Amino acid sequence: MSVRDDLTAAAGHVAGLRRAVTALSKELGNTIDVQRLRDDVVRLADDVDLVARGAGVGSQDRAGGPGEIVFITDEEYDPSLWSDAEDEGVGPSRNH
């Protein structure tokens, strides 16, 4: 396996771990232990990204270029980000 393949596999495993922790959070609630586990997964994702950038595989500025691996987190977006967005094909909500 190449370094790129190993890093892609590591990123995939971290993404799987993130999904598992999200499921645990839904089942167990947002306890301090679940929060710590979630923080650990974020740290692992950041570490994989740092190793990838250090190896010249990932993007130095996280923007991504041709052939570069860009790791995108599965974290929930802030709902306020979408407050003025339109639903595709439906248009804006009209509250008259």
PDB file of N, CA and C in Angstrom:
ATOM      1  N   MET A   1       0.837  -1.182   0.000  1.00  0.00           N
ATOM      2  CA  MET A   1       0.000   0.000   0.000  1.00  0.00           C
ATOM      3  C   MET A   1       0.880   1.242   0.000  1.00  0.00           C
ATOM      4  N   SER A   2       0.402   2.276  -0.680  1.00  0.00           N
ATOM      5  CA  SER A   2       1.129   3.542  -0.676  1.00  0.00           C
ATOM      6  C   SER A   2       0.703   4.377   0.532  1.00  0.00           C
ATOM      7  N   VAL A   3       1.453   5.427   0.787  1.00  0.00           N
ATOM      8  CA  VAL A   3       1.108   6.335   1.882  1.00  0.00           C
ATOM      9  C   VAL A   3      -0.276   6.925   1.644  1.00  0.00           C
ATOM     10  N   ARG A   4      -0.563   7.290   0.401  1.00  0.00           N
ATOM     11  CA  ARG A   4      -1.881   7.836   0.062  1.00  0.00           C
ATOM     12  C   ARG A   4      -2.985   6.827   0.396  1.00  0.00           C
ATOM     13  N   ASP A   5      -2.775   5.565   0.044  1.00  0.00           N
ATOM     14  CA  ASP A   5      -3.763   4.526   0.344  1.00  0.00           C
ATOM     15  C   ASP A   5      -3.946   4.349   1.848  1.00  0.00           C
ATOM     16  N   ASP A   6      -2.829   4.347   2.578  1.00  0.00           N
ATOM     17  CA  ASP A   6      -2.899   4.203   4.037  1.00  0.00           C
ATOM     18  C   ASP A   6      -3.641   5.373   4.674  1.00  0.00           C
ATOM     19  N   LEU A   7      -3.358   6.584   4.198  1.00  0.00           N
ATOM     20  CA  LEU A   7      -4.031   7.758   4.751  1.00  0.00           C
ATOM     21  C   LEU A   7      -5.512   7.769   4.397  1.00  0.00           C
ATOM     22  N   THR A   8      -5.843   7.342   3.205  1.00  0.00           N
ATOM     23  CA  THR A   8      -7.252   7.254   2.812  1.00  0.00           C
ATOM     24  C   THR A   8      -7.972   6.229   3.671  1.00  0.00           C
ATOM     25  N   ALA A   9      -7.326   5.098   3.925  1.00  0.00           N
ATOM     26  CA  ALA A   9      -7.919   4.073   4.793  1.00  0.00           C
ATOM     27  C   ALA A   9      -8.087   4.605   6.213  1.00  0.00           C
ATOM     28  N   ALA A  10      -7.072   5.300   6.726  1.00  0.00           N
ATOM     29  CA  ALA A  10      -7.166   5.861   8.080  1.00  0.00           C
ATOM     30  C   ALA A  10      -8.302   6.867   8.169  1.00  0.00           C
ATOM     31  N   ALA A  11      -8.425   7.727   7.165  1.00  0.00           N
ATOM     32  CA  ALA A  11      -9.511   8.715   7.155  1.00  0.00           C
ATOM     33  C   ALA A  11     -10.864   8.025   7.112  1.00  0.00           C
ATOM     34  N   GLY A  12     -10.963   6.933   6.364  1.00  0.00           N
ATOM     35  CA  GLY A  12     -12.218   6.180   6.309  1.00  0.00           C
ATOM     36  C   GLY A  12     -12.560   5.552   7.649  1.00  0.00           C
ATOM     37  N   HIS A  13     -11.560   5.048   8.352  1.00  0.00           N
ATOM     38  CA  HIS A  13     -11.805   4.455   9.671  1.00  0.00           C
ATOM     39  C   HIS A  13     -12.228   5.520  10.683  1.00  0.00           C
ATOM     40  N   VAL A  14     -11.599   6.694  10.589  1.00  0.00           N
ATOM     41  CA  VAL A  14     -11.980   7.785  11.494  1.00  0.00           C
ATOM     42  C   VAL A  14     -13.419   8.218  11.200  1.00  0.00           C
ATOM     43  N   ALA A  15     -13.786   8.272   9.931  1.00  0.00           N
ATOM     44  CA  ALA A  15     -15.164   8.627   9.572  1.00  0.00           C
ATOM     45  C   ALA A  15     -16.153   7.592  10.118  1.00  0.00           C
ATOM     46  N   GLY A  16     -15.790   6.311  10.044  1.00  0.00           N
ATOM     47  CA  GLY A  16     -16.637   5.265  10.611  1.00  0.00           C
ATOM     48  C   GLY A  16     -16.757   5.394  12.120  1.00  0.00           C
ATOM     49  N   LEU A  17     -15.656   5.725  12.761  1.00  0.00           N
ATOM     50  CA  LEU A  17     -15.672   5.936  14.203  1.00  0.00           C
ATOM     51  C   LEU A  17     -16.554   7.123  14.558  1.00  0.00           C
ATOM     52  N   ARG A  18     -16.490   8.178  13.756  1.00  0.00           N
ATOM     53  CA  ARG A  18     -17.332   9.356  13.991  1.00  0.00           C
ATOM     54  C   ARG A  18     -18.819   8.979  13.897  1.00  0.00           C
ATOM     55  N   ARG A  19     -19.168   8.179  12.907  1.00  0.00           N
ATOM     56  CA  ARG A  19     -20.575   7.745  12.767  1.00  0.00           C
ATOM     57  C   ARG A  19     -21.005   6.923  13.973  1.00  0.00           C
ATOM     58  N   ALA A  20     -20.122   6.051  14.451  1.00  0.00           N
ATOM     59  CA  ALA A  20     -20.441   5.220  15.618  1.00  0.00           C
ATOM     60  C   ALA A  20     -20.627   6.079  16.865  1.00  0.00           C
ATOM     61  N   VAL A  21     -19.774   7.068  17.044  1.00  0.00           N
ATOM     62  CA  VAL A  21     -19.889   7.947  18.210  1.00  0.00           C
ATOM     63  C   VAL A  21     -21.163   8.784  18.120  1.00  0.00           C
ATOM     64  N   THR A  22     -21.527   9.219  16.924  1.00  0.00           N
ATOM     65  CA  THR A  22     -22.785   9.952  16.744  1.00  0.00           C
ATOM     66  C   THR A  22     -23.965   9.079  17.125  1.00  0.00           C
ATOM     67  N   ALA A  23     -23.940   7.814  16.720  1.00  0.00           N
ATOM     68  CA  ALA A  23     -25.010   6.879  17.090  1.00  0.00           C
ATOM     69  C   ALA A  23     -25.044   6.666  18.603  1.00  0.00           C
ATOM     70  N   LEU A  24     -23.870   6.531  19.210  1.00  0.00           N
ATOM     71  CA  LEU A  24     -23.815   6.378  20.670  1.00  0.00           C
ATOM     72  C   LEU A  24     -24.384   7.604  21.374  1.00  0.00           C
ATOM     73  N   SER A  25     -24.091   8.769  20.845  1.00  0.00           N
ATOM     74  CA  SER A  25     -24.595   9.999  21.435  1.00  0.00           C
ATOM     75  C   SER A  25     -26.120  10.043  21.403  1.00  0.00           C
ATOM     76  N   LYS A  26     -26.695   9.549  20.314  1.00  0.00           N
ATOM     77  CA  LYS A  26     -28.160   9.515  20.211  1.00  0.00           C
ATOM     78  C   LYS A  26     -28.761   8.527  21.201  1.00  0.00           C
ATOM     79  N   GLU A  27     -28.056   7.426  21.435  1.00  0.00           N
ATOM     80  CA  GLU A  27     -28.557   6.394  22.348  1.00  0.00           C
ATOM     81  C   GLU A  27     -28.307   6.732  23.813  1.00  0.00           C
ATOM     82  N   LEU A  28     -27.119   7.268  24.108  1.00  0.00           N
ATOM     83  CA  LEU A  28     -26.720   7.482  25.492  1.00  0.00           C
ATOM     84  C   LEU A  28     -26.885   8.922  25.971  1.00  0.00           C
ATOM     85  N   GLY A  29     -27.115   9.823  25.043  1.00  0.00           N
ATOM     86  CA  GLY A  29     -27.210  11.229  25.405  1.00  0.00           C
ATOM     87  C   GLY A  29     -25.850  11.892  25.341  1.00  0.00           C
ATOM     88  N   ASN A  30     -25.846  13.169  25.599  1.00  0.00           N
ATOM     89  CA  ASN A  30     -24.623  13.953  25.488  1.00  0.00           C
ATOM     90  C   ASN A  30     -23.900  13.990  26.837  1.00  0.00           C
ATOM     91  N   THR A  31     -23.492  12.822  27.296  1.00  0.00           N
ATOM     92  CA  THR A  31     -22.789  12.727  28.581  1.00  0.00           C
ATOM     93  C   THR A  31     -21.358  13.220  28.430  1.00  0.00           C
ATOM     94  N   ILE A  32     -20.702  13.446  29.547  1.00  0.00           N
ATOM     95  CA  ILE A  32     -19.311  13.914  29.522  1.00  0.00           C
ATOM     96  C   ILE A  32     -18.407  12.894  28.838  1.00  0.00           C
ATOM     97  N   ASP A  33     -18.697  11.607  29.042  1.00  0.00           N
ATOM     98  CA  ASP A  33     -17.874  10.565  28.408  1.00  0.00           C
ATOM     99  C   ASP A  33     -18.066  10.560  26.897  1.00  0.00           C
ATOM    100  N   VAL A  34     -19.298  10.747  26.446  1.00  0.00           N
ATOM    101  CA  VAL A  34     -19.561  10.803  25.002  1.00  0.00           C
ATOM    102  C   VAL A  34     -18.917  12.056  24.412  1.00  0.00           C
ATOM    103  N   GLN A  35     -18.987  13.173  25.127  1.00  0.00           N
ATOM    104  CA  GLN A  35     -18.339  14.399  24.657  1.00  0.00           C
ATOM    105  C   GLN A  35     -16.827  14.208  24.519  1.00  0.00           C
ATOM    106  N   ARG A  36     -16.221  13.544  25.500  1.00  0.00           N
ATOM    107  CA  ARG A  36     -14.778  13.287  25.437  1.00  0.00           C
ATOM    108  C   ARG A  36     -14.446  12.389  24.246  1.00  0.00           C
ATOM    109  N   LEU A  37     -15.266  11.380  24.025  1.00  0.00           N
ATOM    110  CA  LEU A  37     -15.053  10.479  22.895  1.00  0.00           C
ATOM    111  C   LEU A  37     -15.186  11.244  21.577  1.00  0.00           C
ATOM    112  N   ARG A  38     -16.185  12.111  21.475  1.00  0.00           N
ATOM    113  CA  ARG A  38     -16.370  12.924  20.270  1.00  0.00           C
ATOM    114  C   ARG A  38     -15.147  13.822  20.051  1.00  0.00           C
ATOM    115  N   ASP A  39     -14.645  14.430  21.133  1.00  0.00           N
ATOM    116  CA  ASP A  39     -13.451  15.271  21.022  1.00  0.00           C
ATOM    117  C   ASP A  39     -12.236  14.455  20.568  1.00  0.00           C
ATOM    118  N   ASP A  40     -12.135  13.222  21.058  1.00  0.00           N
ATOM    119  CA  ASP A  40     -11.028  12.355  20.648  1.00  0.00           C
ATOM    120  C   ASP A  40     -11.101  12.043  19.154  1.00  0.00           C
ATOM    121  N   VAL A  41     -12.290  11.822  18.652  1.00  0.00           N
ATOM    122  CA  VAL A  41     -12.451  11.525  17.224  1.00  0.00           C
ATOM    123  C   VAL A  41     -12.069  12.744  16.390  1.00  0.00           C
ATOM    124  N   VAL A  42     -12.461  13.935  16.839  1.00  0.00           N
ATOM    125  CA  VAL A  42     -12.067  15.158  16.131  1.00  0.00           C
ATOM    126  C   VAL A  42     -10.551  15.285  16.119  1.00  0.00           C
ATOM    127  N   ARG A  43      -9.919  14.991  17.254  1.00  0.00           N
ATOM    128  CA  ARG A  43      -8.453  15.057  17.327  1.00  0.00           C
ATOM    129  C   ARG A  43      -7.821  14.057  16.372  1.00  0.00           C
ATOM    130  N   LEU A  44      -8.383  12.838  16.313  1.00  0.00           N
ATOM    131  CA  LEU A  44      -7.856  11.835  15.380  1.00  0.00           C
ATOM    132  C   LEU A  44      -7.976  12.311  13.930  1.00  0.00           C
ATOM    133  N   ALA A  45      -9.112  12.897  13.579  1.00  0.00           N
ATOM    134  CA  ALA A  45      -9.298  13.400  12.213  1.00  0.00           C
ATOM    135  C   ALA A  45      -8.282  14.501  11.912  1.00  0.00           C
ATOM    136  N   ASP A  46      -8.075  15.387  12.882  1.00  0.00           N
ATOM    137  CA  ASP A  46      -7.077  16.443  12.698  1.00  0.00           C
ATOM    138  C   ASP A  46      -5.679  15.867  12.558  1.00  0.00           C
ATOM    139  N   ASP A  47      -5.370  14.831  13.343  1.00  0.00           N
ATOM    140  CA  ASP A  47      -4.048  14.203  13.270  1.00  0.00           C
ATOM    141  C   ASP A  47      -3.818  13.532  11.920  1.00  0.00           C
ATOM    142  N   VAL A  48      -4.827  12.851  11.400  1.00  0.00           N
ATOM    143  CA  VAL A  48      -4.693  12.228  10.075  1.00  0.00           C
ATOM    144  C   VAL A  48      -4.460  13.314   9.035  1.00  0.00           C
ATOM    145  N   ASP A  49      -5.186  14.420   9.155  1.00  0.00           N
ATOM    146  CA  ASP A  49      -5.015  15.526   8.224  1.00  0.00           C
ATOM    147  C   ASP A  49      -3.596  16.103   8.316  1.00  0.00           C
ATOM    148  N   LEU A  50      -3.084  16.270   9.540  1.00  0.00           N
ATOM    149  CA  LEU A  50      -1.725  16.790   9.714  1.00  0.00           C
ATOM    150  C   LEU A  50      -0.683  15.862   9.096  1.00  0.00           C
ATOM    151  N   VAL A  51      -0.851  14.566   9.312  1.00  0.00           N
ATOM    152  CA  VAL A  51       0.092  13.596   8.736  1.00  0.00           C
ATOM    153  C   VAL A  51       0.013  13.642   7.216  1.00  0.00           C
ATOM    154  N   ALA A  52      -1.206  13.736   6.684  1.00  0.00           N
ATOM    155  CA  ALA A  52      -1.380  13.792   5.229  1.00  0.00           C
ATOM    156  C   ALA A  52      -0.703  15.029   4.651  1.00  0.00           C
ATOM    157  N   ARG A  53      -0.908  16.167   5.290  1.00  0.00           N
ATOM    158  CA  ARG A  53      -0.267  17.396   4.800  1.00  0.00           C
ATOM    159  C   ARG A  53       1.249  17.312   4.937  1.00  0.00           C
ATOM    160  N   GLY A  54       1.726  16.716   6.031  1.00  0.00           N
ATOM    161  CA  GLY A  54       3.164  16.555   6.225  1.00  0.00           C
ATOM    162  C   GLY A  54       3.785  15.638   5.194  1.00  0.00           C
ATOM    163  N   ALA A  55       3.016  14.670   4.739  1.00  0.00           N
ATOM    164  CA  ALA A  55       3.497  13.727   3.728  1.00  0.00           C
ATOM    165  C   ALA A  55       3.289  14.259   2.312  1.00  0.00           C
ATOM    166  N   GLY A  56       2.728  15.470   2.213  1.00  0.00           N
ATOM    167  CA  GLY A  56       2.497  16.056   0.896  1.00  0.00           C
ATOM    168  C   GLY A  56       1.300  15.482   0.188  1.00  0.00           C
ATOM    169  N   VAL A  57       0.411  14.827   0.936  1.00  0.00           N
ATOM    170  CA  VAL A  57      -0.770  14.216   0.325  1.00  0.00           C
ATOM    171  C   VAL A  57      -1.975  15.117   0.469  1.00  0.00           C
ATOM    172  N   GLY A  58      -2.165  15.700   1.642  1.00  0.00           N
ATOM    173  CA  GLY A  58      -3.307  16.571   1.888  1.00  0.00           C
ATOM    174  C   GLY A  58      -2.990  17.996   1.469  1.00  0.00           C
ATOM    175  N   SER A  59      -3.988  18.824   1.546  1.00  0.00           N
ATOM    176  CA  SER A  59      -3.833  20.216   1.169  1.00  0.00           C
ATOM    177  C   SER A  59      -3.204  21.014   2.305  1.00  0.00           C
ATOM    178  N   GLN A  60      -2.304  21.912   1.979  1.00  0.00           N
ATOM    179  CA  GLN A  60      -1.679  22.760   2.991  1.00  0.00           C
ATOM    180  C   GLN A  60      -2.648  23.791   3.543  1.00  0.00           C
ATOM    181  N   ASP A  61      -3.599  24.213   2.746  1.00  0.00           N
ATOM    182  CA  ASP A  61      -4.532  25.239   3.196  1.00  0.00           C
ATOM    183  C   ASP A  61      -5.959  24.703   3.284  1.00  0.00           C
ATOM    184  N   ARG A  62      -6.114  23.397   3.221  1.00  0.00           N
ATOM    185  CA  ARG A  62      -7.403  22.730   3.315  1.00  0.00           C
ATOM    186  C   ARG A  62      -8.341  23.091   2.166  1.00  0.00           C
ATOM    187  N   ALA A  63      -7.822  23.670   1.096  1.00  0.00           N
ATOM    188  CA  ALA A  63      -8.685  24.026  -0.027  1.00  0.00           C
ATOM    189  C   ALA A  63      -8.769  22.895  -1.043  1.00  0.00           C
ATOM    190  N   GLY A  64      -7.741  22.094  -1.128  1.00  0.00           N
ATOM    191  CA  GLY A  64      -7.739  20.961  -2.034  1.00  0.00           C
ATOM    192  C   GLY A  64      -7.444  21.362  -3.462  1.00  0.00           C
ATOM    193  N   GLY A  65      -6.593  20.632  -4.060  1.00  0.00           N
ATOM    194  CA  GLY A  65      -6.256  20.842  -5.452  1.00  0.00           C
ATOM    195  C   GLY A  65      -6.400  19.531  -6.185  1.00  0.00           C
ATOM    196  N   PRO A  66      -6.094  19.518  -7.441  1.00  0.00           N
ATOM    197  CA  PRO A  66      -6.213  18.284  -8.213  1.00  0.00           C
ATOM    198  C   PRO A  66      -5.392  17.153  -7.607  1.00  0.00           C
ATOM    199  N   GLY A  67      -6.023  16.033  -7.354  1.00  0.00           N
ATOM    200  CA  GLY A  67      -5.340  14.861  -6.833  1.00  0.00           C
ATOM    201  C   GLY A  67      -5.086  14.878  -5.348  1.00  0.00           C
ATOM    202  N   GLU A  68      -5.495  15.929  -4.645  1.00  0.00           N
ATOM    203  CA  GLU A  68      -5.261  16.008  -3.210  1.00  0.00           C
ATOM    204  C   GLU A  68      -6.442  15.438  -2.442  1.00  0.00           C
ATOM    205  N   ILE A  69      -6.147  14.861  -1.307  1.00  0.00           N
ATOM    206  CA  ILE A  69      -7.182  14.337  -0.423  1.00  0.00           C
ATOM    207  C   ILE A  69      -7.588  15.454   0.529  1.00  0.00           C
ATOM    208  N   VAL A  70      -8.864  15.752   0.573  1.00  0.00           N
ATOM    209  CA  VAL A  70      -9.382  16.745   1.498  1.00  0.00           C
ATOM    210  C   VAL A  70     -10.331  16.023   2.435  1.00  0.00           C
ATOM    211  N   PHE A  71     -10.041  16.061   3.726  1.00  0.00           N
ATOM    212  CA  PHE A  71     -10.867  15.385   4.711  1.00  0.00           C
ATOM    213  C   PHE A  71     -11.955  16.342   5.188  1.00  0.00           C
ATOM    214  N   ILE A  72     -13.199  15.945   5.015  1.00  0.00           N
ATOM    215  CA  ILE A  72     -14.341  16.761   5.397  1.00  0.00           C
ATOM    216  C   ILE A  72     -15.014  16.103   6.586  1.00  0.00           C
ATOM    217  N   THR A  73     -15.219  16.873   7.638  1.00  0.00           N
ATOM    218  CA  THR A  73     -15.807  16.313   8.848  1.00  0.00           C
ATOM    219  C   THR A  73     -17.289  16.041   8.658  1.00  0.00           C
ATOM    220  N   ASP A  74     -17.812  15.157   9.475  1.00  0.00           N
ATOM    221  CA  ASP A  74     -19.229  14.833   9.456  1.00  0.00           C
ATOM    222  C   ASP A  74     -19.989  15.565  10.551  1.00  0.00           C
ATOM    223  N   GLU A  75     -19.365  16.587  11.120  1.00  0.00           N
ATOM    224  CA  GLU A  75     -20.005  17.336  12.195  1.00  0.00           C
ATOM    225  C   GLU A  75     -21.276  17.997  11.682  1.00  0.00           C
ATOM    226  N   GLU A  76     -22.234  18.179  12.580  1.00  0.00           N
ATOM    227  CA  GLU A  76     -23.479  18.856  12.230  1.00  0.00           C
ATOM    228  C   GLU A  76     -23.193  20.339  11.972  1.00  0.00           C
ATOM    229  N   TYR A  77     -23.870  20.893  10.966  1.00  0.00           N
ATOM    230  CA  TYR A  77     -23.757  22.312  10.696  1.00  0.00           C
ATOM    231  C   TYR A  77     -24.699  23.088  11.613  1.00  0.00           C
ATOM    232  N   ASP A  78     -24.352  24.311  11.911  1.00  0.00           N
ATOM    233  CA  ASP A  78     -25.209  25.190  12.697  1.00  0.00           C
ATOM    234  C   ASP A  78     -26.473  25.466  11.874  1.00  0.00           C
ATOM    235  N   PRO A  79     -27.673  25.163  12.405  1.00  0.00           N
ATOM    236  CA  PRO A  79     -28.912  25.368  11.650  1.00  0.00           C
ATOM    237  C   PRO A  79     -29.099  26.811  11.166  1.00  0.00           C
ATOM    238  N   SER A  80     -28.534  27.781  11.874  1.00  0.00           N
ATOM    239  CA  SER A  80     -28.685  29.175  11.454  1.00  0.00           C
ATOM    240  C   SER A  80     -27.997  29.435  10.108  1.00  0.00           C
ATOM    241  N   LEU A  81     -27.068  28.552   9.741  1.00  0.00           N
ATOM    242  CA  LEU A  81     -26.412  28.671   8.445  1.00  0.00           C
ATOM    243  C   LEU A  81     -27.411  28.604   7.304  1.00  0.00           C
ATOM    244  N   TRP A  82     -28.467  27.858   7.509  1.00  0.00           N
ATOM    245  CA  TRP A  82     -29.446  27.600   6.448  1.00  0.00           C
ATOM    246  C   TRP A  82     -30.731  28.407   6.627  1.00  0.00           C
ATOM    247  N   SER A  83     -30.772  29.348   7.562  1.00  0.00           N
ATOM    248  CA  SER A  83     -32.015  30.037   7.894  1.00  0.00           C
ATOM    249  C   SER A  83     -32.635  30.774   6.713  1.00  0.00           C
ATOM    250  N   ASP A  84     -31.836  31.306   5.810  1.00  0.00           N
ATOM    251  CA  ASP A  84     -32.393  32.039   4.669  1.00  0.00           C
ATOM    252  C   ASP A  84     -32.227  31.281   3.348  1.00  0.00           C
ATOM    253  N   ALA A  85     -31.942  29.992   3.441  1.00  0.00           N
ATOM    254  CA  ALA A  85     -31.725  29.184   2.238  1.00  0.00           C
ATOM    255  C   ALA A  85     -33.059  28.750   1.640  1.00  0.00           C
ATOM    256  N   GLU A  86     -33.043  28.480   0.357  1.00  0.00           N
ATOM    257  CA  GLU A  86     -34.226  27.995  -0.333  1.00  0.00           C
ATOM    258  C   GLU A  86     -34.116  26.495  -0.526  1.00  0.00           C
ATOM    259  N   ASP A  87     -35.244  25.793  -0.409  1.00  0.00           N
ATOM    260  CA  ASP A  87     -35.266  24.374  -0.717  1.00  0.00           C
ATOM    261  C   ASP A  87     -35.208  24.208  -2.225  1.00  0.00           C
ATOM    262  N   GLU A  88     -34.372  23.290  -2.671  1.00  0.00           N
ATOM    263  CA  GLU A  88     -34.194  23.086  -4.104  1.00  0.00           C
ATOM    264  C   GLU A  88     -35.523  22.716  -4.754  1.00  0.00           C
ATOM    265  N   GLY A  89     -35.902  23.467  -5.758  1.00  0.00           N
ATOM    266  CA  GLY A  89     -37.123  23.162  -6.482  1.00  0.00           C
ATOM    267  C   GLY A  89     -38.394  23.683  -5.833  1.00  0.00           C
ATOM    268  N   VAL A  90     -38.285  24.184  -4.591  1.00  0.00           N
ATOM    269  CA  VAL A  90     -39.477  24.651  -3.883  1.00  0.00           C
ATOM    270  C   VAL A  90     -39.482  26.167  -3.780  1.00  0.00           C
ATOM    271  N   GLY A  91     -38.329  26.745  -3.625  1.00  0.00           N
ATOM    272  CA  GLY A  91     -38.230  28.199  -3.489  1.00  0.00           C
ATOM    273  C   GLY A  91     -38.284  28.604  -2.025  1.00  0.00           C
ATOM    274  N   PRO A  92     -38.243  29.904  -1.782  1.00  0.00           N
ATOM    275  CA  PRO A  92     -38.244  30.388  -0.399  1.00  0.00           C
ATOM    276  C   PRO A  92     -39.593  30.183   0.270  1.00  0.00           C
ATOM    277  N   SER A  93     -39.545  30.097   1.600  1.00  0.00           N
ATOM    278  CA  SER A  93     -40.825  29.988   2.321  1.00  0.00           C
ATOM    279  C   SER A  93     -41.474  31.348   2.315  1.00  0.00           C
ATOM    280  N   ARG A  94     -42.763  31.362   2.204  1.00  0.00           N
ATOM    281  CA  ARG A  94     -43.504  32.622   2.138  1.00  0.00           C
ATOM    282  C   ARG A  94     -44.447  32.685   3.332  1.00  0.00           C
ATOM    283  N   ASN A  95     -44.085  33.461   4.294  1.00  0.00           N
ATOM    284  CA  ASN A  95     -44.916  33.636   5.492  1.00  0.00           C
ATOM    285  C   ASN A  95     -45.596  34.987   5.412  1.00  0.00           C
ATOM    286  N   HIS A  96     -46.775  35.010   4.815  1.00  0.00           N
ATOM    287  CA  HIS A  96     -47.501  36.287   4.672  1.00  0.00           C
ATOM    288  C   HIS A  96     -48.513  36.415   5.760  1.00  0.00           C
TER     289      HIS A  96
END
